[in-house]
Amino acid sequence: MEDLSLHVLDVVENATRAGATLIEIEIREDKSKDLLQIAIRDNGRGMDTHMLKRATDPFATTRTTRRVGLGLPLLEQAAKEAGGHLLIESEPKRGTRVLATFQMSHVDRRPVGDMGATLTTLIMGNPDRDFVYFSNLGKEEIEVDTRSIRRELDGSLRIDDPAVISLIKELFKNSPRN
C-alpha cells in the first residue's frame, strides 16, 4: 500500500465486518522520540487466543470470500520496514486494539496519506457506525467524533450527507500527509 491511510482504511473495514459499532483511530507523532504511532480500537467481536496468535499470518482469515487476509500482515511489514512494530490486543466480545509504531525519520516509512479521505470514506460507507478520530501531526491537532456530529445535526441531516462530509473533509484541508 502506498501510504498509511490505506492501511488504516483496511484495518477499520475489518473492524466493521467484525461488528464494531465504535471505532477509534488515533495518530500521534512524537518528534522527541522520532516515533509515529497509529492506534485503532474497536468494540467488535474480537479474537480468541488462537486467532490472535495467527492474526499477522496472511493465510489466517475469518473471511469466507477469500483465503488470505493481508491487512494486518501488510501493516506489520510496513511498521517493521520503518524500524517499528505491530502490537495487537484482542478479547472475544470486547473488541480489538491495533498499535503500529514507526520510526518517523526512517527512509522506508510510508507517508501518512490523506486521512481526511480515509475517514470520510469510512463514514460514507458505514453511516450507522461511530468513528472517533484524533491526530496531532505537524503543529495541528484534528478531532472528529461522529457521535458529537450526530448530536449537533439533531436529525436534520444524515452523517453521510454530502454537506456534512464536505465539512469533515475541510477539517483536514491543511493537515500534513507526510
N, C-alpha and C. Protein backbone atom coordinates (compact mmCIF):
# COMPACT_ATOMS: atom_id res chain seq x y z
N MET A 1 0.84 -1.18 0.00
CA MET A 1 0.00 0.00 0.00
C MET A 1 0.89 1.24 0.00
N GLU A 2 0.44 2.24 -0.72
CA GLU A 2 1.24 3.44 -0.91
C GLU A 2 1.46 4.24 0.36
N ASP A 3 0.42 4.36 1.17
CA ASP A 3 0.54 5.19 2.36
C ASP A 3 -0.21 4.56 3.53
N LEU A 4 0.02 5.11 4.71
CA LEU A 4 -0.52 4.53 5.93
C LEU A 4 -2.03 4.69 6.05
N SER A 5 -2.60 5.72 5.42
CA SER A 5 -4.04 5.90 5.48
C SER A 5 -4.79 4.71 4.86
N LEU A 6 -4.19 4.10 3.87
CA LEU A 6 -4.81 2.93 3.24
C LEU A 6 -4.77 1.71 4.17
N HIS A 7 -3.71 1.61 4.96
CA HIS A 7 -3.65 0.55 5.98
C HIS A 7 -4.75 0.77 7.02
N VAL A 8 -4.92 2.03 7.44
CA VAL A 8 -5.97 2.35 8.40
C VAL A 8 -7.33 1.97 7.83
N LEU A 9 -7.58 2.34 6.59
CA LEU A 9 -8.84 2.01 5.93
C LEU A 9 -9.10 0.51 5.98
N ASP A 10 -8.09 -0.29 5.67
CA ASP A 10 -8.24 -1.74 5.64
C ASP A 10 -8.53 -2.31 7.03
N VAL A 11 -7.78 -1.87 8.03
CA VAL A 11 -7.98 -2.38 9.39
C VAL A 11 -9.36 -1.98 9.91
N VAL A 12 -9.78 -0.76 9.64
CA VAL A 12 -11.09 -0.31 10.12
C VAL A 12 -12.22 -1.04 9.38
N GLU A 13 -12.05 -1.30 8.10
CA GLU A 13 -13.07 -2.09 7.39
C GLU A 13 -13.19 -3.48 8.00
N ASN A 14 -12.07 -4.07 8.41
CA ASN A 14 -12.12 -5.36 9.11
C ASN A 14 -12.91 -5.23 10.41
N ALA A 15 -12.71 -4.14 11.13
CA ALA A 15 -13.44 -3.92 12.38
C ALA A 15 -14.94 -3.83 12.14
N THR A 16 -15.34 -3.15 11.06
CA THR A 16 -16.79 -3.04 10.79
C THR A 16 -17.36 -4.41 10.43
N ARG A 17 -16.58 -5.22 9.69
CA ARG A 17 -17.04 -6.57 9.36
C ARG A 17 -17.13 -7.45 10.61
N ALA A 18 -16.35 -7.09 11.64
CA ALA A 18 -16.39 -7.84 12.90
C ALA A 18 -17.47 -7.30 13.83
N GLY A 19 -18.35 -6.46 13.31
CA GLY A 19 -19.49 -5.99 14.08
C GLY A 19 -19.24 -4.77 14.95
N ALA A 20 -18.10 -4.11 14.79
CA ALA A 20 -17.83 -2.93 15.62
C ALA A 20 -18.82 -1.82 15.30
N THR A 21 -19.30 -1.18 16.35
CA THR A 21 -20.18 -0.03 16.19
C THR A 21 -19.46 1.27 16.55
N LEU A 22 -18.31 1.15 17.21
CA LEU A 22 -17.48 2.29 17.57
C LEU A 22 -16.03 1.95 17.26
N ILE A 23 -15.42 2.79 16.43
CA ILE A 23 -14.02 2.60 16.07
C ILE A 23 -13.29 3.91 16.37
N GLU A 24 -12.19 3.78 17.10
CA GLU A 24 -11.37 4.93 17.46
C GLU A 24 -10.04 4.83 16.72
N ILE A 25 -9.67 5.91 16.07
CA ILE A 25 -8.42 5.99 15.31
C ILE A 25 -7.60 7.14 15.90
N GLU A 26 -6.38 6.84 16.29
CA GLU A 26 -5.52 7.86 16.87
C GLU A 26 -4.16 7.80 16.20
N ILE A 27 -3.71 8.95 15.70
CA ILE A 27 -2.41 9.04 15.05
C ILE A 27 -1.62 10.11 15.79
N ARG A 28 -0.51 9.69 16.37
CA ARG A 28 0.32 10.61 17.16
C ARG A 28 1.76 10.56 16.68
N GLU A 29 2.33 11.75 16.62
CA GLU A 29 3.76 11.81 16.35
C GLU A 29 4.45 12.37 17.58
N ASP A 30 5.60 11.82 17.87
CA ASP A 30 6.43 12.28 18.98
C ASP A 30 7.81 12.55 18.40
N LYS A 31 8.04 13.80 18.03
CA LYS A 31 9.30 14.15 17.37
C LYS A 31 10.49 13.93 18.29
N SER A 32 10.30 14.12 19.59
CA SER A 32 11.42 13.94 20.51
C SER A 32 11.89 12.49 20.57
N LYS A 33 10.99 11.55 20.31
CA LYS A 33 11.33 10.13 20.30
C LYS A 33 11.43 9.57 18.88
N ASP A 34 11.20 10.44 17.88
CA ASP A 34 11.25 10.04 16.47
C ASP A 34 10.26 8.90 16.19
N LEU A 35 9.04 9.03 16.74
CA LEU A 35 8.03 7.98 16.60
C LEU A 35 6.74 8.52 15.99
N LEU A 36 6.13 7.67 15.20
CA LEU A 36 4.78 7.88 14.71
C LEU A 36 4.00 6.64 15.13
N GLN A 37 2.86 6.85 15.79
CA GLN A 37 2.04 5.72 16.23
C GLN A 37 0.63 5.85 15.67
N ILE A 38 0.12 4.72 15.24
CA ILE A 38 -1.26 4.64 14.79
C ILE A 38 -1.95 3.60 15.66
N ALA A 39 -2.98 4.02 16.38
CA ALA A 39 -3.75 3.11 17.22
C ALA A 39 -5.18 3.05 16.70
N ILE A 40 -5.70 1.84 16.58
CA ILE A 40 -7.08 1.63 16.15
C ILE A 40 -7.73 0.70 17.15
N ARG A 41 -8.81 1.17 17.78
CA ARG A 41 -9.55 0.37 18.76
C ARG A 41 -10.98 0.22 18.29
N ASP A 42 -11.54 -0.97 18.53
CA ASP A 42 -12.94 -1.19 18.15
C ASP A 42 -13.64 -2.02 19.21
N ASN A 43 -14.95 -2.00 19.15
CA ASN A 43 -15.76 -2.79 20.09
C ASN A 43 -16.42 -3.97 19.37
N GLY A 44 -15.75 -4.51 18.38
CA GLY A 44 -16.29 -5.62 17.60
C GLY A 44 -16.19 -6.95 18.32
N ARG A 45 -16.31 -8.03 17.56
CA ARG A 45 -16.30 -9.39 18.11
C ARG A 45 -15.02 -9.75 18.82
N GLY A 46 -13.91 -9.19 18.41
CA GLY A 46 -12.63 -9.55 18.99
C GLY A 46 -12.17 -10.90 18.47
N MET A 47 -11.01 -11.32 18.95
CA MET A 47 -10.42 -12.59 18.52
C MET A 47 -10.08 -13.42 19.74
N ASP A 48 -10.22 -14.73 19.58
CA ASP A 48 -9.78 -15.61 20.65
C ASP A 48 -8.25 -15.74 20.59
N THR A 49 -7.66 -16.38 21.57
CA THR A 49 -6.20 -16.51 21.67
C THR A 49 -5.60 -17.17 20.44
N HIS A 50 -6.26 -18.21 19.94
CA HIS A 50 -5.76 -18.92 18.76
C HIS A 50 -5.70 -18.00 17.54
N MET A 51 -6.78 -17.27 17.27
CA MET A 51 -6.81 -16.38 16.11
C MET A 51 -5.86 -15.20 16.31
N LEU A 52 -5.76 -14.70 17.53
CA LEU A 52 -4.87 -13.58 17.81
C LEU A 52 -3.42 -13.95 17.49
N LYS A 53 -3.02 -15.17 17.82
CA LYS A 53 -1.65 -15.62 17.53
C LYS A 53 -1.40 -15.69 16.03
N ARG A 54 -2.44 -15.90 15.25
CA ARG A 54 -2.30 -16.05 13.80
C ARG A 54 -2.69 -14.79 13.02
N ALA A 55 -3.00 -13.72 13.72
CA ALA A 55 -3.56 -12.53 13.07
C ALA A 55 -2.66 -11.92 12.00
N THR A 56 -1.36 -12.06 12.11
CA THR A 56 -0.47 -11.49 11.10
C THR A 56 -0.01 -12.53 10.07
N ASP A 57 -0.61 -13.69 10.10
CA ASP A 57 -0.36 -14.72 9.09
C ASP A 57 -1.31 -14.45 7.93
N PRO A 58 -0.79 -14.19 6.73
CA PRO A 58 -1.69 -13.87 5.61
C PRO A 58 -2.65 -14.99 5.25
N PHE A 59 -2.36 -16.21 5.69
CA PHE A 59 -3.24 -17.33 5.36
C PHE A 59 -4.22 -17.65 6.48
N ALA A 60 -4.26 -16.77 7.49
CA ALA A 60 -5.24 -16.92 8.57
C ALA A 60 -6.26 -15.81 8.42
N THR A 61 -7.48 -16.17 8.10
CA THR A 61 -8.54 -15.18 7.94
C THR A 61 -9.86 -15.80 8.34
N THR A 62 -10.76 -14.96 8.80
CA THR A 62 -12.11 -15.44 9.11
C THR A 62 -13.05 -15.20 7.93
N ARG A 63 -12.55 -14.53 6.91
CA ARG A 63 -13.38 -14.23 5.75
C ARG A 63 -13.65 -15.50 4.95
N THR A 64 -14.84 -15.58 4.42
CA THR A 64 -15.21 -16.74 3.61
C THR A 64 -15.11 -16.43 2.12
N THR A 65 -14.92 -15.15 1.77
CA THR A 65 -14.87 -14.76 0.36
C THR A 65 -13.50 -14.97 -0.26
N ARG A 66 -12.47 -15.11 0.58
CA ARG A 66 -11.14 -15.41 0.07
C ARG A 66 -10.33 -16.07 1.17
N ARG A 67 -9.23 -16.70 0.78
CA ARG A 67 -8.46 -17.49 1.73
C ARG A 67 -7.31 -16.74 2.38
N VAL A 68 -7.09 -15.50 1.98
CA VAL A 68 -5.99 -14.74 2.57
C VAL A 68 -6.53 -13.46 3.19
N GLY A 69 -5.84 -13.00 4.22
CA GLY A 69 -6.15 -11.73 4.86
C GLY A 69 -4.85 -10.96 4.96
N LEU A 70 -4.70 -9.92 4.16
CA LEU A 70 -3.43 -9.23 4.07
C LEU A 70 -3.34 -7.94 4.88
N GLY A 71 -4.44 -7.46 5.44
CA GLY A 71 -4.44 -6.17 6.12
C GLY A 71 -3.41 -6.07 7.24
N LEU A 72 -3.52 -6.90 8.24
CA LEU A 72 -2.58 -6.85 9.37
C LEU A 72 -1.17 -7.27 8.98
N PRO A 73 -0.99 -8.32 8.16
CA PRO A 73 0.37 -8.66 7.75
C PRO A 73 1.07 -7.52 7.00
N LEU A 74 0.35 -6.82 6.13
CA LEU A 74 0.97 -5.72 5.39
C LEU A 74 1.27 -4.53 6.30
N LEU A 75 0.40 -4.26 7.27
CA LEU A 75 0.67 -3.19 8.23
C LEU A 75 1.88 -3.55 9.08
N GLU A 76 1.97 -4.80 9.50
CA GLU A 76 3.14 -5.23 10.28
C GLU A 76 4.42 -5.06 9.46
N GLN A 77 4.37 -5.45 8.19
CA GLN A 77 5.53 -5.31 7.32
C GLN A 77 5.93 -3.84 7.18
N ALA A 78 4.95 -2.96 6.97
CA ALA A 78 5.24 -1.54 6.83
C ALA A 78 5.89 -0.98 8.10
N ALA A 79 5.39 -1.41 9.26
CA ALA A 79 5.97 -0.94 10.53
C ALA A 79 7.41 -1.44 10.68
N LYS A 80 7.63 -2.72 10.43
CA LYS A 80 8.98 -3.29 10.57
C LYS A 80 9.96 -2.66 9.59
N GLU A 81 9.50 -2.40 8.37
CA GLU A 81 10.38 -1.77 7.38
C GLU A 81 10.82 -0.38 7.82
N ALA A 82 10.03 0.25 8.67
CA ALA A 82 10.33 1.60 9.15
C ALA A 82 10.84 1.58 10.60
N GLY A 83 11.46 0.47 10.99
CA GLY A 83 12.06 0.39 12.32
C GLY A 83 11.08 0.31 13.45
N GLY A 84 9.86 -0.11 13.18
CA GLY A 84 8.82 -0.17 14.21
C GLY A 84 8.31 -1.57 14.42
N HIS A 85 7.10 -1.63 14.94
CA HIS A 85 6.49 -2.94 15.23
C HIS A 85 4.97 -2.80 15.26
N LEU A 86 4.32 -3.94 15.34
CA LEU A 86 2.86 -4.00 15.42
C LEU A 86 2.47 -4.78 16.66
N LEU A 87 1.53 -4.24 17.41
CA LEU A 87 1.00 -4.90 18.60
C LEU A 87 -0.51 -5.05 18.40
N ILE A 88 -1.01 -6.24 18.66
CA ILE A 88 -2.46 -6.49 18.55
C ILE A 88 -2.93 -7.08 19.86
N GLU A 89 -3.95 -6.46 20.43
CA GLU A 89 -4.60 -6.97 21.64
C GLU A 89 -6.06 -7.20 21.30
N SER A 90 -6.61 -8.31 21.75
CA SER A 90 -7.99 -8.59 21.43
C SER A 90 -8.57 -9.56 22.45
N GLU A 91 -9.85 -9.44 22.62
CA GLU A 91 -10.57 -10.31 23.54
C GLU A 91 -11.95 -10.57 22.94
N PRO A 92 -12.37 -11.83 22.90
CA PRO A 92 -13.68 -12.13 22.34
C PRO A 92 -14.79 -11.29 23.02
N LYS A 93 -15.68 -10.77 22.19
CA LYS A 93 -16.83 -9.96 22.61
C LYS A 93 -16.44 -8.61 23.22
N ARG A 94 -15.15 -8.26 23.21
CA ARG A 94 -14.71 -6.99 23.80
C ARG A 94 -14.02 -6.09 22.78
N GLY A 95 -13.64 -6.65 21.64
CA GLY A 95 -13.02 -5.83 20.62
C GLY A 95 -11.53 -6.06 20.47
N THR A 96 -10.93 -5.20 19.63
CA THR A 96 -9.53 -5.34 19.27
C THR A 96 -8.86 -3.98 19.29
N ARG A 97 -7.58 -3.99 19.65
CA ARG A 97 -6.74 -2.79 19.59
C ARG A 97 -5.50 -3.14 18.77
N VAL A 98 -5.23 -2.32 17.76
CA VAL A 98 -4.06 -2.47 16.92
C VAL A 98 -3.21 -1.23 17.10
N LEU A 99 -1.92 -1.44 17.41
CA LEU A 99 -0.99 -0.33 17.58
C LEU A 99 0.20 -0.55 16.67
N ALA A 100 0.37 0.33 15.70
CA ALA A 100 1.51 0.27 14.78
C ALA A 100 2.43 1.44 15.11
N THR A 101 3.71 1.13 15.27
CA THR A 101 4.70 2.14 15.60
C THR A 101 5.74 2.20 14.49
N PHE A 102 6.12 3.41 14.11
CA PHE A 102 7.07 3.63 13.03
C PHE A 102 8.13 4.63 13.50
N GLN A 103 9.37 4.44 13.06
CA GLN A 103 10.39 5.47 13.27
C GLN A 103 10.08 6.56 12.25
N MET A 104 9.76 7.75 12.74
CA MET A 104 9.31 8.83 11.85
C MET A 104 10.32 9.15 10.75
N SER A 105 11.59 9.22 11.10
CA SER A 105 12.59 9.68 10.14
C SER A 105 13.14 8.55 9.27
N HIS A 106 12.66 7.34 9.47
CA HIS A 106 13.17 6.21 8.71
C HIS A 106 12.88 6.40 7.22
N VAL A 107 13.89 6.13 6.41
CA VAL A 107 13.77 6.34 4.98
C VAL A 107 12.65 5.49 4.36
N ASP A 108 12.32 4.36 4.97
CA ASP A 108 11.29 3.48 4.43
C ASP A 108 9.91 3.69 5.04
N ARG A 109 9.77 4.71 5.90
CA ARG A 109 8.44 4.96 6.45
C ARG A 109 7.56 5.57 5.37
N ARG A 110 6.42 4.96 5.20
CA ARG A 110 5.48 5.46 4.20
C ARG A 110 4.84 6.75 4.71
N PRO A 111 4.41 7.62 3.79
CA PRO A 111 3.70 8.83 4.23
C PRO A 111 2.36 8.47 4.86
N VAL A 112 1.88 9.37 5.70
CA VAL A 112 0.58 9.14 6.35
C VAL A 112 -0.52 9.07 5.31
N GLY A 113 -0.50 9.94 4.34
CA GLY A 113 -1.52 9.94 3.30
C GLY A 113 -2.71 10.81 3.67
N ASP A 114 -3.78 10.66 2.96
CA ASP A 114 -4.96 11.51 3.10
C ASP A 114 -5.94 10.91 4.10
N MET A 115 -5.73 11.20 5.37
CA MET A 115 -6.61 10.67 6.41
C MET A 115 -8.02 11.26 6.32
N GLY A 116 -8.15 12.47 5.80
CA GLY A 116 -9.48 13.05 5.61
C GLY A 116 -10.31 12.22 4.64
N ALA A 117 -9.69 11.83 3.53
CA ALA A 117 -10.39 10.99 2.56
C ALA A 117 -10.70 9.62 3.15
N THR A 118 -9.76 9.07 3.91
CA THR A 118 -9.98 7.77 4.54
C THR A 118 -11.15 7.83 5.52
N LEU A 119 -11.15 8.83 6.38
CA LEU A 119 -12.21 8.93 7.38
C LEU A 119 -13.57 9.17 6.72
N THR A 120 -13.63 10.05 5.75
CA THR A 120 -14.93 10.32 5.12
C THR A 120 -15.41 9.11 4.32
N THR A 121 -14.49 8.37 3.73
CA THR A 121 -14.87 7.13 3.04
C THR A 121 -15.49 6.14 4.03
N LEU A 122 -14.87 6.02 5.18
CA LEU A 122 -15.40 5.11 6.21
C LEU A 122 -16.78 5.55 6.68
N ILE A 123 -16.96 6.85 6.88
CA ILE A 123 -18.25 7.36 7.34
C ILE A 123 -19.33 7.14 6.27
N MET A 124 -19.00 7.45 5.02
CA MET A 124 -19.99 7.28 3.94
C MET A 124 -20.35 5.81 3.75
N GLY A 125 -19.38 4.93 3.91
CA GLY A 125 -19.64 3.51 3.72
C GLY A 125 -20.28 2.83 4.91
N ASN A 126 -20.23 3.49 6.07
CA ASN A 126 -20.75 2.91 7.31
C ASN A 126 -21.48 3.98 8.12
N PRO A 127 -22.54 4.57 7.58
CA PRO A 127 -23.19 5.68 8.26
C PRO A 127 -23.85 5.30 9.59
N ASP A 128 -23.99 4.00 9.84
CA ASP A 128 -24.60 3.55 11.08
C ASP A 128 -23.56 3.28 12.17
N ARG A 129 -22.28 3.49 11.87
CA ARG A 129 -21.20 3.26 12.83
C ARG A 129 -20.69 4.60 13.33
N ASP A 130 -20.04 4.57 14.49
CA ASP A 130 -19.44 5.79 15.02
C ASP A 130 -17.92 5.69 14.94
N PHE A 131 -17.31 6.83 14.60
CA PHE A 131 -15.87 6.92 14.46
C PHE A 131 -15.38 8.09 15.32
N VAL A 132 -14.31 7.83 16.03
CA VAL A 132 -13.63 8.87 16.79
C VAL A 132 -12.22 8.94 16.22
N TYR A 133 -11.84 10.10 15.73
CA TYR A 133 -10.53 10.28 15.11
C TYR A 133 -9.78 11.39 15.84
N PHE A 134 -8.50 11.15 16.10
CA PHE A 134 -7.63 12.17 16.66
C PHE A 134 -6.26 12.04 16.02
N SER A 135 -5.68 13.18 15.65
CA SER A 135 -4.29 13.19 15.19
C SER A 135 -3.62 14.47 15.66
N ASN A 136 -2.30 14.36 15.85
CA ASN A 136 -1.51 15.54 16.21
C ASN A 136 -0.31 15.65 15.27
N LEU A 137 -0.56 15.54 14.00
CA LEU A 137 0.50 15.60 13.01
C LEU A 137 0.91 17.05 12.76
N GLY A 138 2.21 17.26 12.68
CA GLY A 138 2.70 18.62 12.49
C GLY A 138 2.34 19.47 13.69
N LYS A 139 1.89 20.67 13.45
CA LYS A 139 1.53 21.58 14.54
C LYS A 139 0.03 21.61 14.79
N GLU A 140 -0.70 20.74 14.10
CA GLU A 140 -2.15 20.80 14.15
C GLU A 140 -2.76 19.53 14.73
N GLU A 141 -3.72 19.72 15.62
CA GLU A 141 -4.49 18.60 16.13
C GLU A 141 -5.84 18.59 15.44
N ILE A 142 -6.30 17.39 15.09
CA ILE A 142 -7.61 17.25 14.47
C ILE A 142 -8.39 16.23 15.28
N GLU A 143 -9.62 16.58 15.63
CA GLU A 143 -10.51 15.67 16.33
C GLU A 143 -11.84 15.62 15.60
N VAL A 144 -12.31 14.41 15.36
CA VAL A 144 -13.63 14.21 14.75
C VAL A 144 -14.30 13.09 15.54
N ASP A 145 -15.51 13.36 16.00
CA ASP A 145 -16.29 12.35 16.73
C ASP A 145 -17.69 12.35 16.13
N THR A 146 -18.03 11.30 15.42
CA THR A 146 -19.33 11.27 14.74
C THR A 146 -20.48 11.30 15.74
N ARG A 147 -20.25 10.86 16.96
CA ARG A 147 -21.32 10.93 17.96
C ARG A 147 -21.68 12.38 18.25
N SER A 148 -20.67 13.24 18.38
CA SER A 148 -20.91 14.67 18.61
C SER A 148 -21.56 15.32 17.40
N ILE A 149 -21.10 14.93 16.22
CA ILE A 149 -21.68 15.49 14.99
C ILE A 149 -23.15 15.12 14.90
N ARG A 150 -23.47 13.87 15.20
CA ARG A 150 -24.88 13.44 15.16
C ARG A 150 -25.74 14.26 16.14
N ARG A 151 -25.20 14.51 17.32
CA ARG A 151 -25.95 15.31 18.31
C ARG A 151 -26.19 16.72 17.78
N GLU A 152 -25.17 17.31 17.14
CA GLU A 152 -25.31 18.65 16.56
C GLU A 152 -26.33 18.66 15.43
N LEU A 153 -26.32 17.63 14.62
CA LEU A 153 -27.25 17.55 13.50
C LEU A 153 -28.69 17.37 13.97
N ASP A 154 -28.85 16.72 15.09
CA ASP A 154 -30.16 16.52 15.71
C ASP A 154 -31.22 16.03 14.72
N GLY A 155 -30.79 15.13 13.83
CA GLY A 155 -31.73 14.55 12.88
C GLY A 155 -32.01 15.40 11.66
N SER A 156 -31.44 16.61 11.59
CA SER A 156 -31.72 17.47 10.45
C SER A 156 -31.03 16.99 9.17
N LEU A 157 -29.89 16.38 9.32
CA LEU A 157 -29.16 15.79 8.20
C LEU A 157 -28.58 14.46 8.64
N ARG A 158 -28.33 13.60 7.68
CA ARG A 158 -27.65 12.34 7.98
C ARG A 158 -26.14 12.59 8.04
N ILE A 159 -25.43 11.75 8.78
CA ILE A 159 -23.98 11.89 8.91
C ILE A 159 -23.28 11.74 7.56
N ASP A 160 -23.88 11.00 6.62
CA ASP A 160 -23.26 10.79 5.32
C ASP A 160 -23.78 11.75 4.25
N ASP A 161 -24.50 12.79 4.66
CA ASP A 161 -24.96 13.81 3.73
C ASP A 161 -23.74 14.52 3.13
N PRO A 162 -23.74 14.80 1.84
CA PRO A 162 -22.58 15.44 1.21
C PRO A 162 -22.13 16.74 1.91
N ALA A 163 -23.07 17.51 2.43
CA ALA A 163 -22.69 18.76 3.11
C ALA A 163 -21.91 18.46 4.40
N VAL A 164 -22.30 17.43 5.12
CA VAL A 164 -21.61 17.04 6.35
C VAL A 164 -20.23 16.49 6.00
N ILE A 165 -20.17 15.63 5.01
CA ILE A 165 -18.90 15.04 4.58
C ILE A 165 -17.94 16.15 4.14
N SER A 166 -18.44 17.13 3.43
CA SER A 166 -17.62 18.25 2.98
C SER A 166 -17.03 19.02 4.18
N LEU A 167 -17.84 19.23 5.20
CA LEU A 167 -17.35 19.92 6.40
C LEU A 167 -16.27 19.10 7.12
N ILE A 168 -16.44 17.80 7.17
CA ILE A 168 -15.43 16.94 7.80
C ILE A 168 -14.13 16.99 7.00
N LYS A 169 -14.23 16.90 5.68
CA LYS A 169 -13.04 16.98 4.82
C LYS A 169 -12.30 18.29 5.03
N GLU A 170 -13.05 19.36 5.23
CA GLU A 170 -12.46 20.68 5.42
C GLU A 170 -11.54 20.72 6.65
N LEU A 171 -11.86 19.93 7.67
CA LEU A 171 -11.01 19.88 8.86
C LEU A 171 -9.60 19.40 8.53
N PHE A 172 -9.47 18.61 7.49
CA PHE A 172 -8.19 18.02 7.11
C PHE A 172 -7.46 18.81 6.03
N LYS A 173 -8.04 19.91 5.62
CA LYS A 173 -7.53 20.67 4.47
C LYS A 173 -6.04 20.99 4.58
N ASN A 174 -5.59 21.42 5.74
CA ASN A 174 -4.19 21.83 5.89
C ASN A 174 -3.35 20.79 6.63
N SER A 175 -3.91 19.61 6.81
CA SER A 175 -3.19 18.57 7.55
C SER A 175 -2.03 18.01 6.73
N PRO A 176 -0.86 17.84 7.38
CA PRO A 176 0.26 17.25 6.64
C PRO A 176 -0.01 15.80 6.28
N ARG A 177 0.51 15.37 5.16
CA ARG A 177 0.32 13.99 4.69
C ARG A 177 1.66 13.25 4.64
N ASN A 178 2.62 13.75 5.38
CA ASN A 178 3.99 13.22 5.31
C ASN A 178 4.10 11.80 5.82
